[in-house]
C-alpha atoms as a PDB file:
ATOM      1  CA  UNK A   1     174.879 138.069 140.301  1.00  0.00           C
ATOM      2  CA  UNK A   2     174.179 141.169 137.363  1.00  0.00           C
ATOM      3  CA  UNK A   3     170.911 142.101 139.097  1.00  0.00           C
ATOM      4  CA  UNK A   4     172.858 142.432 142.585  1.00  0.00           C
ATOM      5  CA  UNK A   5     175.630 144.258 141.050  1.00  0.00           C
ATOM      6  CA  UNK A   6     173.117 146.498 139.674  1.00  0.00           C
ATOM      7  CA  UNK A   7     170.917 146.928 142.824  1.00  0.00           C
ATOM      8  CA  UNK A   8     174.043 147.985 144.964  1.00  0.00           C
ATOM      9  CA  UNK A   9     174.654 150.967 142.469  1.00  0.00           C
ATOM     10  CA  UNK A  10     171.988 152.493 142.161  1.00  0.00           C
ATOM     11  CA  UNK A  11     171.664 152.362 146.539  1.00  0.00           C
ATOM     12  CA  UNK A  12     170.360 149.182 147.419  1.00  0.00           C
ATOM     13  CA  UNK A  13     166.926 149.882 145.924  1.00  0.00           C
ATOM     14  CA  UNK A  14     164.741 147.119 146.016  1.00  0.00           C
ATOM     15  CA  UNK A  15     164.299 145.668 142.528  1.00  0.00           C
ATOM     16  CA  UNK A  16     162.239 143.193 141.733  1.00  0.00           C
ATOM     17  CA  UNK A  17     162.279 142.899 138.059  1.00  0.00           C
ATOM     18  CA  UNK A  18     165.262 143.188 135.263  1.00  0.00           C
ATOM     19  CA  UNK A  19     164.270 144.475 131.643  1.00  0.00           C
ATOM     20  CA  UNK A  20     167.233 143.370 129.146  1.00  0.00           C
ATOM     21  CA  UNK A  21     166.193 145.709 125.401  1.00  0.00           C
ATOM     22  CA  UNK A  22     168.519 143.935 122.754  1.00  0.00           C
ATOM     23  CA  UNK A  23     171.496 142.433 124.754  1.00  0.00           C
ATOM     24  CA  UNK A  24     171.911 139.571 122.871  1.00  0.00           C
ATOM     25  CA  UNK A  25     171.928 140.032 118.928  1.00  0.00           C
ATOM     26  CA  UNK A  26     176.484 140.109 119.268  1.00  0.00           C
ATOM     27  CA  UNK A  27     176.747 136.918 122.008  1.00  0.00           C
ATOM     28  CA  UNK A  28     178.040 133.845 119.919  1.00  0.00           C
ATOM     29  CA  UNK A  29     176.192 130.663 120.753  1.00  0.00           C
ATOM     30  CA  UNK A  30     178.420 129.276 123.840  1.00  0.00           C
ATOM     31  CA  UNK A  31     178.035 132.995 125.121  1.00  0.00           C
ATOM     32  CA  UNK A  32     174.553 133.238 124.310  1.00  0.00           C
ATOM     33  CA  UNK A  33     173.790 129.937 126.340  1.00  0.00           C
ATOM     34  CA  UNK A  34     175.827 131.075 129.589  1.00  0.00           C
ATOM     35  CA  UNK A  35     173.728 134.579 129.517  1.00  0.00           C
ATOM     36  CA  UNK A  36     170.142 132.599 129.686  1.00  0.00           C
ATOM     37  CA  UNK A  37     171.762 130.979 132.487  1.00  0.00           C
ATOM     38  CA  UNK A  38     172.537 133.149 134.510  1.00  0.00           C
ATOM     39  CA  UNK A  39     168.860 135.004 133.863  1.00  0.00           C
ATOM     40  CA  UNK A  40     167.400 131.565 134.564  1.00  0.00           C
ATOM     41  CA  UNK A  41     169.056 131.953 138.151  1.00  0.00           C
ATOM     42  CA  UNK A  42     167.700 135.266 138.567  1.00  0.00           C
ATOM     43  CA  UNK A  43     164.146 134.608 137.338  1.00  0.00           C
ATOM     44  CA  UNK A  44     164.126 132.553 140.259  1.00  0.00           C
ATOM     45  CA  UNK A  45     163.982 135.898 142.751  1.00  0.00           C
ATOM     46  CA  UNK A  46     162.793 138.537 140.195  1.00  0.00           C
ATOM     47  CA  UNK A  47     160.715 138.637 137.039  1.00  0.00           C
ATOM     48  CA  UNK A  48     163.120 138.640 133.726  1.00  0.00           C
ATOM     49  CA  UNK A  49     161.579 140.942 130.775  1.00  0.00           C
ATOM     50  CA  UNK A  50     163.794 140.636 127.889  1.00  0.00           C
ATOM     51  CA  UNK A  51     162.922 142.666 124.606  1.00  0.00           C
ATOM     52  CA  UNK A  52     164.787 140.404 121.285  1.00  0.00           C
ATOM     53  CA  UNK A  53     164.785 139.658 117.807  1.00  0.00           C
ATOM     54  CA  UNK A  54     166.910 136.937 118.620  1.00  0.00           C
ATOM     55  CA  UNK A  55     165.568 133.639 116.890  1.00  0.00           C
ATOM     56  CA  UNK A  56     167.084 131.452 119.462  1.00  0.00           C
ATOM     57  CA  UNK A  57     165.548 133.192 122.042  1.00  0.00           C
ATOM     58  CA  UNK A  58     161.839 133.038 120.391  1.00  0.00           C
ATOM     59  CA  UNK A  59     162.090 129.368 120.565  1.00  0.00           C
ATOM     60  CA  UNK A  60     163.387 128.831 124.047  1.00  0.00           C
ATOM     61  CA  UNK A  61     161.698 131.203 126.200  1.00  0.00           C
ATOM     62  CA  UNK A  62     158.490 129.933 127.353  1.00  0.00           C
ATOM     63  CA  UNK A  63     156.295 132.534 128.299  1.00  0.00           C
ATOM     64  CA  UNK A  64     156.233 135.849 125.925  1.00  0.00           C
ATOM     65  CA  UNK A  65     154.708 138.587 124.696  1.00  0.00           C
ATOM     66  CA  UNK A  66     154.785 139.246 121.563  1.00  0.00           C
ATOM     67  CA  UNK A  67     153.511 142.920 119.712  1.00  0.00           C
ATOM     68  CA  UNK A  68     152.721 142.329 116.309  1.00  0.00           C
ATOM     69  CA  UNK A  69     152.371 145.699 113.974  1.00  0.00           C
ATOM     70  CA  UNK A  70     149.056 146.101 112.017  1.00  0.00           C
ATOM     71  CA  UNK A  71     147.418 148.356 109.997  1.00  0.00           C
ATOM     72  CA  UNK A  72     145.479 150.043 113.036  1.00  0.00           C
ATOM     73  CA  UNK A  73     148.231 150.081 115.497  1.00  0.00           C
ATOM     74  CA  UNK A  74     150.425 147.064 117.143  1.00  0.00           C
ATOM     75  CA  UNK A  75     148.507 143.895 118.830  1.00  0.00           C
ATOM     76  CA  UNK A  76     149.798 142.064 121.457  1.00  0.00           C
ATOM     77  CA  UNK A  77     149.709 138.194 121.581  1.00  0.00           C
ATOM     78  CA  UNK A  78     150.471 136.076 124.629  1.00  0.00           C
ATOM     79  CA  UNK A  79     152.714 132.870 124.050  1.00  0.00           C
ATOM     80  CA  UNK A  80     152.701 130.177 127.285  1.00  0.00           C
ATOM     81  CA  UNK A  81     151.112 132.782 129.361  1.00  0.00           C
ATOM     82  CA  UNK A  82     147.859 131.821 131.673  1.00  0.00           C
END
């Protein structure tokens, strides 16, 4: 999978997490669904973090850390995290 390819190119360094930053905005619905399926598979063995403003992802990802900009700085809101 994707994480295995990245790990291989990094000299077989063990990677227990994968973060993607804004990699979904230009994807059509079908491609977005396929990408999310792959990430769901990766999530079985690794932590996957997604940084995105795509509304569909906000609706489908159950555990979220939302960053809210405020007058005195940013604050975090945990959604679906116990």
